[in-house]
Protein backbone atom coordinates (compact mmCIF):
# COMPACT_ATOMS: atom_id res chain seq x y z
CA UNK A 1 -18.99 24.73 -27.19
CA UNK A 2 -17.63 21.16 -27.42
CA UNK A 3 -18.64 20.48 -23.85
CA UNK A 4 -22.11 21.95 -24.42
CA UNK A 5 -22.69 19.76 -27.49
CA UNK A 6 -21.58 16.67 -25.57
CA UNK A 7 -23.98 17.57 -22.76
CA UNK A 8 -26.83 17.88 -25.24
CA UNK A 9 -25.86 14.56 -26.82
CA UNK A 10 -25.81 12.79 -23.44
CA UNK A 11 -29.00 14.32 -22.06
CA UNK A 12 -31.09 13.96 -25.19
CA UNK A 13 -29.98 10.38 -25.88
CA UNK A 14 -30.83 9.39 -22.30
CA UNK A 15 -34.32 10.91 -22.61
CA UNK A 16 -35.02 9.55 -26.10
CA UNK A 17 -34.00 6.06 -24.99
CA UNK A 18 -35.75 5.98 -21.62
CA UNK A 19 -38.72 8.31 -22.10
CA UNK A 20 -39.10 8.03 -25.84
CA UNK A 21 -38.62 10.53 -28.64
CA UNK A 22 -42.35 11.27 -28.98
CA UNK A 23 -42.80 11.97 -25.27
CA UNK A 24 -39.66 14.06 -24.84
CA UNK A 25 -39.98 17.80 -25.33
CA UNK A 26 -37.29 20.36 -25.99
CA UNK A 27 -37.86 21.77 -22.51
CA UNK A 28 -37.13 18.33 -21.00
CA UNK A 29 -33.72 18.24 -22.68
CA UNK A 30 -32.97 21.81 -21.63
CA UNK A 31 -33.93 21.04 -18.05
CA UNK A 32 -31.76 17.93 -18.00
CA UNK A 33 -28.63 19.98 -18.70
CA UNK A 34 -29.60 23.16 -16.89
CA UNK A 35 -30.30 25.36 -19.90
CA UNK A 36 -33.27 27.52 -20.73
CA UNK A 37 -35.43 26.22 -23.57
CA UNK A 38 -34.60 29.34 -25.56
CA UNK A 39 -30.87 28.69 -25.20
CA UNK A 40 -31.25 25.17 -26.58
CA UNK A 41 -32.88 26.63 -29.69
CA UNK A 42 -29.64 28.55 -30.24
CA UNK A 43 -28.05 25.19 -31.05
CA UNK A 44 -30.91 23.31 -32.72
CA UNK A 45 -34.03 24.45 -34.54
CA UNK A 46 -36.06 21.46 -33.35
CA UNK A 47 -36.18 18.09 -31.66
CA UNK A 48 -35.71 16.10 -34.86
CA UNK A 49 -32.37 17.75 -35.51
CA UNK A 50 -31.24 16.74 -32.02
CA UNK A 51 -32.21 13.12 -32.72
CA UNK A 52 -30.34 13.22 -36.02
CA UNK A 53 -27.35 14.82 -34.31
CA UNK A 54 -27.18 11.88 -31.90
CA UNK A 55 -27.54 9.27 -34.64
CA UNK A 56 -24.84 10.96 -36.71
CA UNK A 57 -22.58 11.19 -33.66
CA UNK A 58 -23.00 7.47 -33.06
CA UNK A 59 -21.57 6.48 -36.43
CA UNK A 60 -19.10 9.39 -36.51
CA UNK A 61 -18.02 10.37 -32.95
CA UNK A 62 -15.89 13.30 -34.16
CA UNK A 63 -19.07 14.92 -35.48
CA UNK A 64 -20.07 15.85 -31.94
CA UNK A 65 -17.07 18.14 -31.51
CA UNK A 66 -17.19 19.72 -34.96
CA UNK A 67 -17.45 23.49 -35.29
CA UNK A 68 -20.97 24.33 -36.46
CA UNK A 69 -22.74 27.40 -37.71
CA UNK A 70 -25.60 27.71 -35.25
CA UNK A 71 -28.33 26.70 -35.15
CA UNK A 72 -27.34 23.42 -36.76
CA UNK A 73 -29.03 23.14 -40.13
CA UNK A 74 -31.31 20.23 -41.00
CA UNK A 75 -29.59 20.05 -44.37
CA UNK A 76 -26.59 18.40 -42.70
CA UNK A 77 -28.75 15.34 -42.07
CA UNK A 78 -30.33 15.06 -45.53
CA UNK A 79 -28.59 11.75 -46.33
CA UNK A 80 -28.32 10.46 -42.76
CA UNK A 81 -30.39 7.30 -43.23
CA UNK A 82 -28.13 6.19 -46.08
CA UNK A 83 -25.01 7.08 -44.10
CA UNK A 84 -26.19 4.93 -41.20
CA UNK A 85 -27.09 2.02 -43.46
CA UNK A 86 -23.72 2.26 -45.22
CA UNK A 87 -21.95 2.25 -41.84
CA UNK A 88 -23.77 -0.90 -40.77
CA UNK A 89 -23.03 -2.58 -44.10
CA UNK A 90 -19.32 -1.95 -43.54
CA UNK A 91 -19.61 -3.41 -40.03
CA UNK A 92 -21.26 -6.58 -41.36
CA UNK A 93 -18.64 -6.97 -44.10
CA UNK A 94 -15.75 -6.49 -41.68
CA UNK A 95 -17.19 -8.86 -39.07
CA UNK A 96 -17.79 -11.59 -41.68
CA UNK A 97 -14.25 -11.38 -43.05
CA UNK A 98 -13.04 -14.57 -41.31
CA UNK A 99 -16.00 -16.84 -42.03
CA UNK A 100 -14.15 -18.53 -44.90
CA UNK A 101 -11.14 -19.28 -42.72
CA UNK A 102 -11.13 -19.18 -38.91
CA UNK A 103 -7.63 -20.63 -38.63
CA UNK A 104 -6.18 -17.40 -37.25
CA UNK A 105 -9.42 -16.06 -35.78
CA UNK A 106 -9.98 -17.75 -32.40
CA UNK A 107 -13.24 -17.75 -30.48
CA UNK A 108 -11.91 -15.15 -28.03
CA UNK A 109 -11.25 -12.67 -30.84
CA UNK A 110 -14.64 -13.24 -32.45
CA UNK A 111 -16.46 -12.61 -29.18
CA UNK A 112 -14.31 -9.56 -28.49
CA UNK A 113 -15.06 -8.12 -31.93
CA UNK A 114 -18.77 -8.87 -31.58
CA UNK A 115 -18.88 -7.10 -28.23
CA UNK A 116 -17.10 -4.07 -29.69
CA UNK A 117 -19.59 -3.88 -32.57
CA UNK A 118 -22.47 -3.80 -30.09
CA UNK A 119 -20.90 -1.40 -27.61
CA UNK A 120 -19.53 1.08 -30.14
CA UNK A 121 -22.96 1.84 -31.58
CA UNK A 122 -25.01 1.24 -28.43
CA UNK A 123 -26.62 4.68 -28.26
CA UNK A 124 -27.70 4.70 -31.89
CA UNK A 125 -29.01 1.14 -31.74
CA UNK A 126 -31.01 1.82 -28.59
CA UNK A 127 -32.47 4.97 -30.13
CA UNK A 128 -33.77 2.90 -33.03
CA UNK A 129 -35.02 0.06 -30.84
CA UNK A 130 -36.88 2.40 -28.48
CA UNK A 131 -38.36 4.65 -31.17
CA UNK A 132 -39.29 2.32 -34.02
CA UNK A 133 -42.36 4.33 -35.07
CA UNK A 134 -40.37 7.53 -35.46
CA UNK A 135 -37.50 6.32 -37.64
CA UNK A 136 -39.22 4.98 -40.75
CA UNK A 137 -37.12 2.89 -43.12
CA UNK A 138 -34.18 2.98 -40.71
CA UNK A 139 -36.14 0.73 -38.34
CA UNK A 140 -36.76 -1.84 -41.08
CA UNK A 141 -33.12 -1.82 -42.10
CA UNK A 142 -31.96 -2.16 -38.50
CA UNK A 143 -34.10 -5.28 -38.04
CA UNK A 144 -32.43 -6.80 -41.10
CA UNK A 145 -29.01 -5.82 -39.76
CA UNK A 146 -29.76 -7.52 -36.43
CA UNK A 147 -30.82 -10.70 -38.22
CA UNK A 148 -27.67 -10.69 -40.36
CA UNK A 149 -25.46 -10.14 -37.32
CA UNK A 150 -27.15 -13.04 -35.53
CA UNK A 151 -26.61 -15.27 -38.58
CA UNK A 152 -22.93 -14.33 -38.70
CA UNK A 153 -22.36 -15.14 -35.02
CA UNK A 154 -24.22 -18.45 -35.46
CA UNK A 155 -22.03 -19.36 -38.43
CA UNK A 156 -18.89 -18.62 -36.44
CA UNK A 157 -20.13 -20.71 -33.52
CA UNK A 158 -20.94 -23.61 -35.83
CA UNK A 159 -17.42 -23.46 -37.26
CA UNK A 160 -15.85 -23.35 -33.80
CA UNK A 161 -17.91 -26.35 -32.74
CA UNK A 162 -16.61 -28.32 -35.72
CA UNK A 163 -13.10 -27.15 -34.89
CA UNK A 164 -13.54 -28.28 -31.28
CA UNK A 165 -12.89 -24.91 -29.63
CA UNK A 166 -16.54 -24.26 -28.73
CA UNK A 167 -18.17 -26.93 -26.59
CA UNK A 168 -20.92 -29.03 -28.15
CA UNK A 169 -24.36 -27.63 -27.36
CA UNK A 170 -27.76 -29.09 -28.21
CA UNK A 171 -29.27 -25.82 -29.43
CA UNK A 172 -26.63 -23.66 -31.15
CA UNK A 173 -29.17 -21.12 -32.38
CA UNK A 174 -30.48 -20.48 -28.87
CA UNK A 175 -26.98 -20.30 -27.45
CA UNK A 176 -26.18 -17.74 -30.13
CA UNK A 177 -29.17 -15.68 -29.03
CA UNK A 178 -28.05 -15.93 -25.40
CA UNK A 179 -24.52 -14.84 -26.30
CA UNK A 180 -25.70 -11.83 -28.28
CA UNK A 181 -28.19 -10.79 -25.61
CA UNK A 182 -25.50 -11.15 -22.92
CA UNK A 183 -23.16 -8.92 -24.89
CA UNK A 184 -26.00 -6.48 -25.55
CA UNK A 185 -26.79 -6.30 -21.84
CA UNK A 186 -23.21 -5.50 -20.87
CA UNK A 187 -22.35 -3.43 -23.93
CA UNK A 188 -25.60 -1.47 -24.33
CA UNK A 189 -28.23 -1.73 -21.65
CA UNK A 190 -26.46 -1.70 -18.29
CA UNK A 191 -25.21 1.87 -18.80
CA UNK A 192 -28.19 3.28 -20.71
CA UNK A 193 -31.60 1.79 -19.98
CA UNK A 194 -31.35 -0.95 -17.37
CA UNK A 195 -33.81 -0.81 -14.48
CA UNK A 196 -30.79 -0.45 -12.20
CA UNK A 197 -28.27 1.58 -14.18
CA UNK A 198 -24.56 1.07 -13.62
CA UNK A 199 -23.27 4.36 -15.00
CA UNK A 200 -20.10 4.06 -12.98
CA UNK A 201 -18.94 0.93 -14.80
CA UNK A 202 -16.45 1.50 -17.62
CA UNK A 203 -16.97 -0.17 -20.96
CA UNK A 204 -13.67 -2.02 -20.44
CA UNK A 205 -14.88 -3.46 -17.13
CA UNK A 206 -18.23 -4.42 -18.66
CA UNK A 207 -16.43 -6.20 -21.50
CA UNK A 208 -14.14 -8.09 -19.12
CA UNK A 209 -17.09 -9.34 -17.06
CA UNK A 210 -18.99 -10.37 -20.17
CA UNK A 211 -16.07 -12.08 -21.87
CA UNK A 212 -15.06 -13.94 -18.71
CA UNK A 213 -18.52 -15.45 -18.38
CA UNK A 214 -18.94 -16.36 -22.05
CA UNK A 215 -15.51 -17.93 -22.40
CA UNK A 216 -15.94 -19.97 -19.22
CA UNK A 217 -19.33 -21.12 -20.46
CA UNK A 218 -18.39 -22.18 -24.00
CA UNK A 219 -14.65 -22.30 -24.71
CA UNK A 220 -13.08 -25.75 -24.84
């Protein structure tokens, strides 16, 4: 059961990200994991519940291996949008915790934490980014979250420049964008929706490559 649910999570997330939620049919998911369409309906009553299952599993990984009464009821996901928004609010609050004092929060740790934020929720974030028309208010909130995260990283970089641990750059806001997009590439895209996927790379290896390049580029 646990293995089957993980297979559904992996197959459906890959299709929703790369083919799109609207264009993916239940039979496509079933085919991806070698099930009959009828068997997939044993687990889920419809495609929307599969999407919600993935989003819920992104913010709460243990949810994927929970024991369910089948098929999984839509009622479980009644407050999912608010749960996701609350999770992202906690992420923002935690990541901003050192903005008032970076004395014991070096550049390396900030970049490491920022990478982890991106990588941990990569599947859920990509689902929203690739299916904006299908996720209503969650899409609008996610755009605000992305802007806030960018602002937080920019503030940290500005503080490190004043401190002398981040080299002086002419365009801090563009360097911030480059840093976030670099982390997003290695933490989200390379294993999920890149033109040339690198599914064999571990998240630890991806982080090491990313951090090595960013620190060599900017650390003083």
